[in-house]
Amino acid sequence: MAKDNDQAAPASLEKAQAMDKPAANDKSKMVERKPAPAISKKEYLRLLAVSLRKHAPKSVDRAGKVKVAFTVGASGRVVSHEIKYASDPALAATVGRILAAVQTPPPPGGSFAALQEFSFH
C-alpha cells in the first residue's frame, strides 16, 4: 500500500504532462506560423490610396476641400484622425466616414501617420 509521501506522484504528473503535448510525429496538431512579409512604405502608400479611393463617394452635393491628419494602427484600420481644415462641415463628416471604412494590411513599422487633402467636385 502506497503512502502519501511516496514518489508515485511525479510519474503520474509526467504522464499527464505528456498527454498535453502532441507526439513528435503527430503533424496534424502542429501548426507552423510564418510572420507576414514586410511591406515597403511605397507599396503601403499605394494600398492606402486604393482603399481611400474605394471608400470615397462617387459624387457629393457640394464642392470643397478637407485636410485631415490621421493614423493607421497595426490592425490596418484608422485609429485616430483630426480635421485640420474643412470648407464645409458636411464634407468633414464625409471624410470621417471614408477613414472609418479604410482597411489595409498592417503598415510598415506598426503604425502610419499621414496628412491628406481631399478635394470634392
C-alpha atoms as a PDB file:
ATOM      1  CA  MET A   1       0.000   0.000   0.000  1.00  0.00           C
ATOM      2  CA  ALA A   2       1.403   3.406  -1.037  1.00  0.00           C
ATOM      3  CA  LYS A   3       1.858   6.137   1.492  1.00  0.00           C
ATOM      4  CA  ASP A   4       1.002   9.784   0.840  1.00  0.00           C
ATOM      5  CA  ASN A   5       4.656  10.801   0.664  1.00  0.00           C
ATOM      6  CA  ASP A   6       5.744   8.069  -1.802  1.00  0.00           C
ATOM      7  CA  GLN A   7       7.361   9.024  -5.122  1.00  0.00           C
ATOM      8  CA  ALA A   8       4.384   7.848  -7.255  1.00  0.00           C
ATOM      9  CA  ALA A   9       3.002  11.354  -7.839  1.00  0.00           C
ATOM     10  CA  PRO A  10       5.774  12.635 -10.128  1.00  0.00           C
ATOM     11  CA  ALA A  11       5.326   9.697 -12.510  1.00  0.00           C
ATOM     12  CA  SER A  12       1.630  10.399 -12.913  1.00  0.00           C
ATOM     13  CA  LEU A  13       2.385  14.114 -13.257  1.00  0.00           C
ATOM     14  CA  GLU A  14       4.842  13.355 -16.080  1.00  0.00           C
ATOM     15  CA  LYS A  15       2.232  11.146 -17.735  1.00  0.00           C
ATOM     16  CA  ALA A  16      -0.383  13.917 -17.516  1.00  0.00           C
ATOM     17  CA  GLN A  17       2.030  16.474 -18.977  1.00  0.00           C
ATOM     18  CA  ALA A  18       2.969  14.079 -21.787  1.00  0.00           C
ATOM     19  CA  MET A  19      -0.707  13.725 -22.690  1.00  0.00           C
ATOM     20  CA  ASP A  20      -0.956  17.510 -23.161  1.00  0.00           C
ATOM     21  CA  LYS A  21       1.904  17.565 -25.693  1.00  0.00           C
ATOM     22  CA  PRO A  22       1.439  16.285 -29.251  1.00  0.00           C
ATOM     23  CA  ALA A  23       3.662  13.413 -30.240  1.00  0.00           C
ATOM     24  CA  ALA A  24       6.739  14.406 -32.240  1.00  0.00           C
ATOM     25  CA  ASN A  25       5.402  12.633 -35.328  1.00  0.00           C
ATOM     26  CA  ASP A  26       1.823  13.968 -34.965  1.00  0.00           C
ATOM     27  CA  LYS A  27       1.868  16.746 -37.606  1.00  0.00           C
ATOM     28  CA  SER A  28      -1.918  17.245 -37.506  1.00  0.00           C
ATOM     29  CA  LYS A  29      -1.697  19.201 -34.245  1.00  0.00           C
ATOM     30  CA  MET A  30       1.366  21.217 -35.166  1.00  0.00           C
ATOM     31  CA  VAL A  31       0.865  24.498 -36.996  1.00  0.00           C
ATOM     32  CA  GLU A  32       3.786  26.424 -38.405  1.00  0.00           C
ATOM     33  CA  ARG A  33       3.211  30.143 -38.245  1.00  0.00           C
ATOM     34  CA  LYS A  34       5.268  32.304 -40.529  1.00  0.00           C
ATOM     35  CA  PRO A  35       5.419  36.052 -39.972  1.00  0.00           C
ATOM     36  CA  ALA A  36       3.738  38.163 -42.595  1.00  0.00           C
ATOM     37  CA  PRO A  37       6.238  39.516 -45.101  1.00  0.00           C
ATOM     38  CA  ALA A  38       7.211  43.136 -44.527  1.00  0.00           C
ATOM     39  CA  ILE A  39       5.628  45.603 -46.899  1.00  0.00           C
ATOM     40  CA  SER A  40       7.567  48.583 -48.265  1.00  0.00           C
ATOM     41  CA  LYS A  41       6.434  52.108 -47.474  1.00  0.00           C
ATOM     42  CA  LYS A  42       5.912  52.771 -51.199  1.00  0.00           C
ATOM     43  CA  GLU A  43       3.662  49.714 -51.568  1.00  0.00           C
ATOM     44  CA  TYR A  44       1.812  50.617 -48.371  1.00  0.00           C
ATOM     45  CA  LEU A  45       1.100  54.135 -49.670  1.00  0.00           C
ATOM     46  CA  ARG A  46      -0.299  52.621 -52.871  1.00  0.00           C
ATOM     47  CA  LEU A  47      -2.595  50.276 -50.920  1.00  0.00           C
ATOM     48  CA  LEU A  48      -3.726  53.090 -48.641  1.00  0.00           C
ATOM     49  CA  ALA A  49      -4.552  55.315 -51.639  1.00  0.00           C
ATOM     50  CA  VAL A  50      -6.551  52.474 -53.216  1.00  0.00           C
ATOM     51  CA  SER A  51      -8.530  51.983 -50.013  1.00  0.00           C
ATOM     52  CA  LEU A  52      -9.235  55.724 -49.680  1.00  0.00           C
ATOM     53  CA  ARG A  53     -10.471  55.932 -53.291  1.00  0.00           C
ATOM     54  CA  LYS A  54     -12.558  52.800 -52.871  1.00  0.00           C
ATOM     55  CA  HIS A  55     -14.491  54.320 -49.983  1.00  0.00           C
ATOM     56  CA  ALA A  56     -14.819  57.859 -51.361  1.00  0.00           C
ATOM     57  CA  PRO A  57     -18.288  58.722 -52.666  1.00  0.00           C
ATOM     58  CA  LYS A  58     -18.710  58.959 -56.428  1.00  0.00           C
ATOM     59  CA  SER A  59     -20.422  62.313 -56.055  1.00  0.00           C
ATOM     60  CA  VAL A  60     -21.234  64.819 -53.317  1.00  0.00           C
ATOM     61  CA  ASP A  61     -23.776  67.612 -53.017  1.00  0.00           C
ATOM     62  CA  ARG A  62     -21.122  70.300 -52.530  1.00  0.00           C
ATOM     63  CA  ALA A  63     -17.648  71.053 -53.758  1.00  0.00           C
ATOM     64  CA  GLY A  64     -14.897  71.779 -51.310  1.00  0.00           C
ATOM     65  CA  LYS A  65     -11.735  70.657 -49.579  1.00  0.00           C
ATOM     66  CA  VAL A  66     -10.890  68.882 -46.355  1.00  0.00           C
ATOM     67  CA  LYS A  67      -7.405  68.483 -44.907  1.00  0.00           C
ATOM     68  CA  VAL A  68      -7.059  65.746 -42.297  1.00  0.00           C
ATOM     69  CA  ALA A  69      -4.261  64.200 -40.242  1.00  0.00           C
ATOM     70  CA  PHE A  70      -4.812  60.529 -39.445  1.00  0.00           C
ATOM     71  CA  THR A  71      -3.045  57.487 -38.051  1.00  0.00           C
ATOM     72  CA  VAL A  72      -3.387  53.909 -39.235  1.00  0.00           C
ATOM     73  CA  GLY A  73      -2.715  51.405 -36.454  1.00  0.00           C
ATOM     74  CA  ALA A  74      -1.153  47.944 -36.537  1.00  0.00           C
ATOM     75  CA  SER A  75      -4.551  46.458 -37.427  1.00  0.00           C
ATOM     76  CA  GLY A  76      -4.619  48.381 -40.710  1.00  0.00           C
ATOM     77  CA  ARG A  77      -7.548  50.494 -39.530  1.00  0.00           C
ATOM     78  CA  VAL A  78      -7.563  54.255 -38.922  1.00  0.00           C
ATOM     79  CA  VAL A  79      -7.238  54.655 -35.157  1.00  0.00           C
ATOM     80  CA  SER A  80      -7.448  58.451 -34.984  1.00  0.00           C
ATOM     81  CA  HIS A  81      -7.988  61.463 -37.175  1.00  0.00           C
ATOM     82  CA  GLU A  82      -8.089  65.234 -36.800  1.00  0.00           C
ATOM     83  CA  ILE A  83      -9.664  67.608 -39.295  1.00  0.00           C
ATOM     84  CA  LYS A  84      -7.180  70.426 -39.929  1.00  0.00           C
ATOM     85  CA  TYR A  85      -9.364  72.329 -42.390  1.00  0.00           C
ATOM     86  CA  ALA A  86     -12.805  71.848 -43.908  1.00  0.00           C
ATOM     87  CA  SER A  87     -14.524  74.203 -46.305  1.00  0.00           C
ATOM     88  CA  ASP A  88     -17.823  72.579 -45.270  1.00  0.00           C
ATOM     89  CA  PRO A  89     -18.683  70.584 -42.111  1.00  0.00           C
ATOM     90  CA  ALA A  90     -20.674  68.080 -44.205  1.00  0.00           C
ATOM     91  CA  LEU A  91     -17.530  67.284 -46.185  1.00  0.00           C
ATOM     92  CA  ALA A  92     -15.606  66.787 -42.921  1.00  0.00           C
ATOM     93  CA  ALA A  93     -18.218  64.199 -41.925  1.00  0.00           C
ATOM     94  CA  THR A  94     -17.807  62.515 -45.327  1.00  0.00           C
ATOM     95  CA  VAL A  95     -14.050  62.263 -44.778  1.00  0.00           C
ATOM     96  CA  GLY A  96     -14.701  60.755 -41.334  1.00  0.00           C
ATOM     97  CA  ARG A  97     -16.832  58.037 -42.939  1.00  0.00           C
ATOM     98  CA  ILE A  98     -14.159  57.363 -45.574  1.00  0.00           C
ATOM     99  CA  LEU A  99     -11.471  56.976 -42.911  1.00  0.00           C
ATOM    100  CA  ALA A 100     -13.686  54.723 -40.782  1.00  0.00           C
ATOM    101  CA  ALA A 101     -14.061  52.345 -43.730  1.00  0.00           C
ATOM    102  CA  VAL A 102     -10.338  52.113 -44.576  1.00  0.00           C
ATOM    103  CA  GLN A 103      -8.828  48.640 -44.181  1.00  0.00           C
ATOM    104  CA  THR A 104      -5.240  47.962 -45.210  1.00  0.00           C
ATOM    105  CA  PRO A 105      -2.587  45.412 -44.323  1.00  0.00           C
ATOM    106  CA  PRO A 106      -0.547  46.274 -41.231  1.00  0.00           C
ATOM    107  CA  PRO A 107       1.594  49.325 -42.016  1.00  0.00           C
ATOM    108  CA  PRO A 108       5.391  49.119 -42.009  1.00  0.00           C
ATOM    109  CA  GLY A 109       6.717  49.855 -38.552  1.00  0.00           C
ATOM    110  CA  GLY A 110       3.386  49.077 -36.877  1.00  0.00           C
ATOM    111  CA  SER A 111       1.638  52.407 -37.478  1.00  0.00           C
ATOM    112  CA  PHE A 112       1.463  55.076 -40.138  1.00  0.00           C
ATOM    113  CA  ALA A 113       0.703  58.786 -39.801  1.00  0.00           C
ATOM    114  CA  ALA A 114      -0.450  60.848 -42.778  1.00  0.00           C
ATOM    115  CA  LEU A 115      -1.713  64.277 -43.706  1.00  0.00           C
ATOM    116  CA  GLN A 116      -4.170  64.112 -46.618  1.00  0.00           C
ATOM    117  CA  GLU A 117      -6.170  66.685 -48.523  1.00  0.00           C
ATOM    118  CA  PHE A 118      -9.462  65.583 -50.063  1.00  0.00           C
ATOM    119  CA  SER A 119     -10.921  67.627 -52.906  1.00  0.00           C
ATOM    120  CA  PHE A 120     -14.606  67.156 -53.692  1.00  0.00           C
ATOM    121  CA  HIS A 121     -16.028  68.331 -57.030  1.00  0.00           C
END
